[in-house]
Amino acid sequence: MASWAGRWALGAGGAVELRENPAETLWRELEEEWSVTAAERRVEALVDRPDGLTFIVGSAVLDSNAEPVPDAEHDDWAWWPANIDNWPPEADEPLKRMAGFLEARG
């Protein structure tokens, strides 16, 4: 059973491998899950969740000709407007809050 079934996410996610730099995990997962390499990348934040997990959050800029190819973990993808207020209804509040945080950081 998928842990995030029916949910949209921003980008990729995964676990840090033994002896792997957590920042490098971000870029490895992006390549593994979407077959794209970031032209620019930045670590944005650490987020402690109530369940005890800690997320490392990053942002990536892709080349304008990048064409994501999802792996078997994903069943769809879409480019959403830059303006969070114009996102489709399936964008839930936690997703919007995270995007707003990243947007505010510039």
Protein backbone atom coordinates (compact mmCIF):
# COMPACT_ATOMS: atom_id res chain seq x y z
CA MET A 1 0.00 0.00 0.00
CA ALA A 2 1.41 3.38 -0.95
CA SER A 3 2.09 5.74 1.91
CA TRP A 4 1.03 8.82 -0.10
CA ALA A 5 -1.63 7.27 -2.33
CA GLY A 6 -3.91 9.79 -4.00
CA ARG A 7 -1.76 12.77 -2.99
CA TRP A 8 0.18 15.26 -5.02
CA ALA A 9 3.71 16.10 -3.92
CA LEU A 10 6.22 18.71 -4.92
CA GLY A 11 9.09 16.84 -6.58
CA ALA A 12 10.62 13.70 -5.18
CA GLY A 13 11.20 12.08 -1.84
CA GLY A 14 13.03 9.19 -0.31
CA ALA A 15 15.29 7.90 2.41
CA VAL A 16 18.91 8.81 3.01
CA GLU A 17 21.17 5.86 2.24
CA LEU A 18 23.87 4.75 4.66
CA ARG A 19 26.79 7.24 4.53
CA GLU A 20 24.94 9.44 2.04
CA ASN A 21 24.93 13.21 2.44
CA PRO A 22 21.25 14.15 2.99
CA ALA A 23 21.50 17.00 0.48
CA GLU A 24 22.74 14.55 -2.15
CA THR A 25 19.68 12.39 -1.41
CA LEU A 26 17.48 15.20 -2.75
CA TRP A 27 19.20 15.26 -6.13
CA ARG A 28 19.55 11.45 -6.38
CA GLU A 29 15.84 11.00 -5.71
CA LEU A 30 14.96 13.67 -8.30
CA GLU A 31 17.00 11.80 -10.91
CA GLU A 32 15.67 8.36 -9.89
CA GLU A 33 12.00 9.35 -9.69
CA TRP A 34 11.77 11.84 -12.56
CA SER A 35 14.84 11.22 -14.80
CA VAL A 36 15.84 14.88 -14.62
CA THR A 37 18.99 16.60 -13.39
CA ALA A 38 18.75 19.96 -11.68
CA ALA A 39 20.51 22.87 -13.40
CA GLU A 40 20.43 24.68 -10.05
CA ARG A 41 19.77 23.21 -6.63
CA ARG A 42 19.45 24.54 -3.12
CA VAL A 43 18.76 23.12 0.33
CA GLU A 44 15.95 25.19 1.84
CA ALA A 45 15.04 23.82 5.26
CA LEU A 46 14.79 21.00 7.75
CA VAL A 47 11.25 20.22 8.84
CA ASP A 48 10.52 18.21 11.99
CA ARG A 49 7.21 16.41 11.72
CA PRO A 50 4.99 15.46 14.67
CA ASP A 51 5.55 11.76 13.88
CA GLY A 52 9.29 12.09 14.58
CA LEU A 53 10.48 12.18 10.97
CA THR A 54 12.65 15.02 9.76
CA PHE A 55 12.43 16.20 6.16
CA ILE A 56 15.20 17.99 4.34
CA VAL A 57 13.58 20.30 1.81
CA GLY A 58 15.30 21.57 -1.30
CA SER A 59 14.46 23.35 -4.51
CA ALA A 60 15.68 22.61 -8.00
CA VAL A 61 15.62 24.58 -11.21
CA LEU A 62 15.35 22.50 -14.37
CA ASP A 63 16.45 23.46 -17.84
CA SER A 64 13.54 24.74 -19.92
CA ASN A 65 13.75 21.67 -22.18
CA ALA A 66 13.66 19.17 -19.27
CA GLU A 67 11.04 16.48 -19.80
CA PRO A 68 10.22 14.58 -16.58
CA VAL A 69 9.71 10.84 -16.93
CA PRO A 70 8.07 9.45 -13.78
CA ASP A 71 9.17 6.13 -12.33
CA ALA A 72 6.79 3.40 -11.15
CA GLU A 73 6.18 5.24 -7.84
CA HIS A 74 4.20 7.96 -9.65
CA ASP A 75 1.12 7.68 -11.81
CA ASP A 76 0.90 11.26 -13.06
CA TRP A 77 2.64 14.60 -13.10
CA ALA A 78 1.79 18.14 -14.10
CA TRP A 79 3.33 21.60 -14.28
CA TRP A 80 1.30 23.88 -12.03
CA PRO A 81 1.21 27.68 -12.27
CA ALA A 82 3.84 29.57 -10.31
CA ASN A 83 1.10 31.43 -8.43
CA ILE A 84 -0.05 29.10 -5.64
CA ASP A 85 -3.50 30.75 -5.63
CA ASN A 86 -4.02 29.36 -9.14
CA TRP A 87 -3.21 25.76 -8.27
CA PRO A 88 -5.82 23.09 -9.01
CA PRO A 89 -8.22 21.85 -6.32
CA GLU A 90 -6.20 18.68 -5.68
CA ALA A 91 -3.44 20.81 -4.08
CA ASP A 92 -4.11 20.27 -0.38
CA GLU A 93 -3.31 22.78 2.35
CA PRO A 94 -0.06 21.17 3.59
CA LEU A 95 1.26 21.21 0.02
CA LYS A 96 0.29 24.87 -0.40
CA ARG A 97 1.91 25.78 2.93
CA MET A 98 5.18 24.12 1.92
CA ALA A 99 5.15 25.85 -1.47
CA GLY A 100 4.38 29.18 0.19
CA PHE A 101 7.32 28.72 2.53
CA LEU A 102 9.65 28.01 -0.38
CA GLU A 103 8.27 30.94 -2.34
CA ALA A 104 8.79 33.32 0.60
CA ARG A 105 12.43 32.25 0.86
CA GLY A 106 12.92 33.32 -2.76
